[in-house]
Structure formats: structure tokens, C-alpha cells
PDB file of N, CA and C in Angstrom:
ATOM      1  N   TYR A   1       3.356  17.622  -6.575  1.00  0.00           N
ATOM      2  CA  TYR A   1       4.145  16.632  -7.327  1.00  0.00           C
ATOM      3  C   TYR A   1       3.774  15.243  -6.806  1.00  0.00           C
ATOM      4  N   ILE A   2       3.355  14.380  -7.708  1.00  0.00           N
ATOM      5  CA  ILE A   2       3.044  12.993  -7.396  1.00  0.00           C
ATOM      6  C   ILE A   2       3.968  12.117  -8.194  1.00  0.00           C
ATOM      7  N   PRO A   3       4.886  11.394  -7.503  1.00  0.00           N
ATOM      8  CA  PRO A   3       5.912  10.588  -8.196  1.00  0.00           C
ATOM      9  C   PRO A   3       5.346   9.590  -9.248  1.00  0.00           C
ATOM     10  N   MET A   4       4.174   8.990  -9.000  1.00  0.00           N
ATOM     11  CA  MET A   4       3.619   8.051  -9.970  1.00  0.00           C
ATOM     12  C   MET A   4       2.834   8.760 -11.072  1.00  0.00           C
ATOM     13  N   GLN A   5       2.734  10.064 -10.966  1.00  0.00           N
ATOM     14  CA  GLN A   5       2.022  10.869 -11.982  1.00  0.00           C
ATOM     15  C   GLN A   5       0.502  10.611 -12.040  1.00  0.00           C
ATOM     16  N   ARG A   6      -0.057  10.046 -11.004  1.00  0.00           N
ATOM     17  CA  ARG A   6      -1.489   9.772 -10.959  1.00  0.00           C
ATOM     18  C   ARG A   6      -1.884   9.380  -9.535  1.00  0.00           C
ATOM     19  N   PHE A   7      -3.145   9.457  -9.230  1.00  0.00           N
ATOM     20  CA  PHE A   7      -3.637   9.077  -7.929  1.00  0.00           C
ATOM     21  C   PHE A   7      -3.946   7.582  -7.942  1.00  0.00           C
ATOM     22  N   GLY A   8      -3.872   6.961  -6.817  1.00  0.00           N
ATOM     23  CA  GLY A   8      -4.134   5.553  -6.686  1.00  0.00           C
ATOM     24  C   GLY A   8      -5.632   5.220  -6.921  1.00  0.00           C
ATOM     25  N   GLY A   9      -5.859   4.076  -7.534  1.00  0.00           N
ATOM     26  CA  GLY A   9      -7.196   3.668  -7.793  1.00  0.00           C
ATOM     27  C   GLY A   9      -7.771   2.833  -6.659  1.00  0.00           C
ATOM     28  N   ASP A  10      -9.092   2.646  -6.670  1.00  0.00           N
ATOM     29  CA  ASP A  10      -9.720   1.830  -5.626  1.00  0.00           C
ATOM     30  C   ASP A  10      -9.182   0.409  -5.614  1.00  0.00           C
ATOM     31  N   ASP A  11      -8.945  -0.153  -6.794  1.00  0.00           N
ATOM     32  CA  ASP A  11      -8.428  -1.527  -6.866  1.00  0.00           C
ATOM     33  C   ASP A  11      -7.050  -1.672  -6.190  1.00  0.00           C
ATOM     34  N   GLU A  12      -6.206  -0.656  -6.359  1.00  0.00           N
ATOM     35  CA  GLU A  12      -4.842  -0.662  -5.758  1.00  0.00           C
ATOM     36  C   GLU A  12      -4.922  -0.575  -4.252  1.00  0.00           C
ATOM     37  N   LEU A  13      -5.808   0.182  -3.705  1.00  0.00           N
ATOM     38  CA  LEU A  13      -5.988   0.291  -2.309  1.00  0.00           C
ATOM     39  C   LEU A  13      -6.605  -0.981  -1.726  1.00  0.00           C
ATOM     40  N   LYS A  14      -7.605  -1.493  -2.456  1.00  0.00           N
ATOM     41  CA  LYS A  14      -8.274  -2.712  -2.055  1.00  0.00           C
ATOM     42  C   LYS A  14      -7.289  -3.908  -2.001  1.00  0.00           C
ATOM     43  N   THR A  15      -6.364  -3.985  -2.977  1.00  0.00           N
ATOM     44  CA  THR A  15      -5.359  -5.015  -3.007  1.00  0.00           C
ATOM     45  C   THR A  15      -4.472  -4.972  -1.765  1.00  0.00           C
ATOM     46  N   ALA A  16      -4.044  -3.768  -1.344  1.00  0.00           N
ATOM     47  CA  ALA A  16      -3.220  -3.607  -0.149  1.00  0.00           C
ATOM     48  C   ALA A  16      -3.970  -4.066   1.076  1.00  0.00           C
ATOM     49  N   VAL A  17      -5.189  -3.711   1.189  1.00  0.00           N
ATOM     50  CA  VAL A  17      -6.020  -4.126   2.382  1.00  0.00           C
ATOM     51  C   VAL A  17      -6.192  -5.643   2.399  1.00  0.00           C
ATOM     52  N   LEU A  18      -6.488  -6.235   1.259  1.00  0.00           N
ATOM     53  CA  LEU A  18      -6.618  -7.709   1.175  1.00  0.00           C
ATOM     54  C   LEU A  18      -5.340  -8.387   1.509  1.00  0.00           C
ATOM     55  N   PHE A  19      -4.171  -7.846   1.098  1.00  0.00           N
ATOM     56  CA  PHE A  19      -2.903  -8.422   1.422  1.00  0.00           C
ATOM     57  C   PHE A  19      -2.717  -8.393   2.944  1.00  0.00           C
ATOM     58  N   LEU A  20      -2.940  -7.295   3.581  1.00  0.00           N
ATOM     59  CA  LEU A  20      -2.727  -7.163   5.021  1.00  0.00           C
ATOM     60  C   LEU A  20      -3.720  -8.030   5.805  1.00  0.00           C
ATOM     61  N   ALA A  21      -4.856  -8.359   5.260  1.00  0.00           N
ATOM     62  CA  ALA A  21      -5.848  -9.204   5.930  1.00  0.00           C
ATOM     63  C   ALA A  21      -5.651 -10.665   5.623  1.00  0.00           C
ATOM     64  N   SER A  22      -4.771 -10.992   4.750  1.00  0.00           N
ATOM     65  CA  SER A  22      -4.565 -12.382   4.279  1.00  0.00           C
ATOM     66  C   SER A  22      -3.704 -13.191   5.280  1.00  0.00           C
ATOM     67  N   PRO A  23      -3.848 -14.525   5.257  1.00  0.00           N
ATOM     68  CA  PRO A  23      -3.033 -15.349   6.135  1.00  0.00           C
ATOM     69  C   PRO A  23      -1.507 -15.263   5.849  1.00  0.00           C
ATOM     70  N   GLY A  24      -1.174 -14.761   4.668  1.00  0.00           N
ATOM     71  CA  GLY A  24       0.261 -14.645   4.278  1.00  0.00           C
ATOM     72  C   GLY A  24       0.974 -13.649   5.159  1.00  0.00           C
ATOM     73  N   THR A  25       0.300 -12.778   5.856  1.00  0.00           N
ATOM     74  CA  THR A  25       0.948 -11.771   6.733  1.00  0.00           C
ATOM     75  C   THR A  25       0.923 -12.175   8.174  1.00  0.00           C
ATOM     76  N   SER A  26       0.622 -13.413   8.489  1.00  0.00           N
ATOM     77  CA  SER A  26       0.494 -13.827   9.888  1.00  0.00           C
ATOM     78  C   SER A  26       1.807 -13.707  10.678  1.00  0.00           C
ATOM     79  N   TYR A  27       2.961 -13.705   9.994  1.00  0.00           N
ATOM     80  CA  TYR A  27       4.230 -13.583  10.670  1.00  0.00           C
ATOM     81  C   TYR A  27       4.767 -12.168  10.672  1.00  0.00           C
ATOM     82  N   CYS A  28       4.049 -11.220  10.083  1.00  0.00           N
ATOM     83  CA  CYS A  28       4.485  -9.838  10.033  1.00  0.00           C
ATOM     84  C   CYS A  28       4.002  -9.127  11.271  1.00  0.00           C
ATOM     85  N   THR A  29       4.911  -8.340  11.858  1.00  0.00           N
ATOM     86  CA  THR A  29       4.593  -7.511  13.030  1.00  0.00           C
ATOM     87  C   THR A  29       5.189  -6.118  12.865  1.00  0.00           C
ATOM     88  N   GLY A  30       4.461  -5.096  13.200  1.00  0.00           N
ATOM     89  CA  GLY A  30       4.940  -3.754  13.168  1.00  0.00           C
ATOM     90  C   GLY A  30       5.362  -3.244  11.820  1.00  0.00           C
ATOM     91  N   VAL A  31       4.610  -3.619  10.777  1.00  0.00           N
ATOM     92  CA  VAL A  31       4.939  -3.223   9.418  1.00  0.00           C
ATOM     93  C   VAL A  31       4.069  -2.002   9.034  1.00  0.00           C
ATOM     94  N   ILE A  32       4.723  -1.017   8.406  1.00  0.00           N
ATOM     95  CA  ILE A  32       4.033   0.115   7.851  1.00  0.00           C
ATOM     96  C   ILE A  32       4.045  -0.034   6.323  1.00  0.00           C
ATOM     97  N   LEU A  33       2.912  -0.259   5.719  1.00  0.00           N
ATOM     98  CA  LEU A  33       2.809  -0.380   4.276  1.00  0.00           C
ATOM     99  C   LEU A  33       2.317   0.910   3.694  1.00  0.00           C
ATOM    100  N   ASN A  34       3.207   1.666   3.115  1.00  0.00           N
ATOM    101  CA  ASN A  34       2.800   2.932   2.510  1.00  0.00           C
ATOM    102  C   ASN A  34       2.240   2.731   1.112  1.00  0.00           C
ATOM    103  N   VAL A  35       0.990   2.929   0.987  1.00  0.00           N
ATOM    104  CA  VAL A  35       0.306   2.809  -0.357  1.00  0.00           C
ATOM    105  C   VAL A  35       0.011   4.245  -0.777  1.00  0.00           C
ATOM    106  N   ASP A  36       1.031   4.928  -1.225  1.00  0.00           N
ATOM    107  CA  ASP A  36       0.895   6.348  -1.529  1.00  0.00           C
ATOM    108  C   ASP A  36       1.512   6.787  -2.844  1.00  0.00           C
ATOM    109  N   GLY A  37       1.838   5.815  -3.676  1.00  0.00           N
ATOM    110  CA  GLY A  37       2.399   6.152  -4.987  1.00  0.00           C
ATOM    111  C   GLY A  37       3.791   6.791  -4.940  1.00  0.00           C
ATOM    112  N   GLY A  38       4.533   6.592  -3.865  1.00  0.00           N
ATOM    113  CA  GLY A  38       5.849   7.141  -3.742  1.00  0.00           C
ATOM    114  C   GLY A  38       5.930   8.505  -3.062  1.00  0.00           C
ATOM    115  N   TRP A  39       4.813   8.972  -2.520  1.00  0.00           N
ATOM    116  CA  TRP A  39       4.765  10.254  -1.910  1.00  0.00           C
ATOM    117  C   TRP A  39       5.744  10.410  -0.754  1.00  0.00           C
ATOM    118  N   VAL A  40       5.907   9.350   0.058  1.00  0.00           N
ATOM    119  CA  VAL A  40       6.816   9.361   1.214  1.00  0.00           C
ATOM    120  C   VAL A  40       8.254   9.552   0.770  1.00  0.00           C
ATOM    121  N   SER A  41       8.590   9.080  -0.457  1.00  0.00           N
ATOM    122  CA  SER A  41       9.956   9.155  -0.920  1.00  0.00           C
ATOM    123  C   SER A  41      10.372  10.560  -1.404  1.00  0.00           C
ATOM    124  N   VAL A  42       9.424  11.464  -1.483  1.00  0.00           N
ATOM    125  CA  VAL A  42       9.737  12.820  -1.959  1.00  0.00           C
ATOM    126  C   VAL A  42      10.376  13.632  -0.881  1.00  0.00           C
TER     127      VAL A  42
END
């Protein structure tokens, strides 16, 4: 069972990586960003 009813695409994963590498996350510490289409919520 996949909550989003599909697997994540390359662009979606790339966007998450670019977000974490951006200057906008300079004040974030100890964050876990689950890019799993809701799998953890099952």
C-alpha cells in the first residue's frame, strides 16, 4: 500500500535535496525530512 498511489519521481526527490542544500535551511538543525509519499504515516 502506497498512500500517494504512486512512487516518487526523480524531480520530487531532486527538489527535496535542493531544498536541504539551500541557504534557506541554514537555521534548521536535526530535521528529518521524509520524502516517502506518506509511507511513514501508515
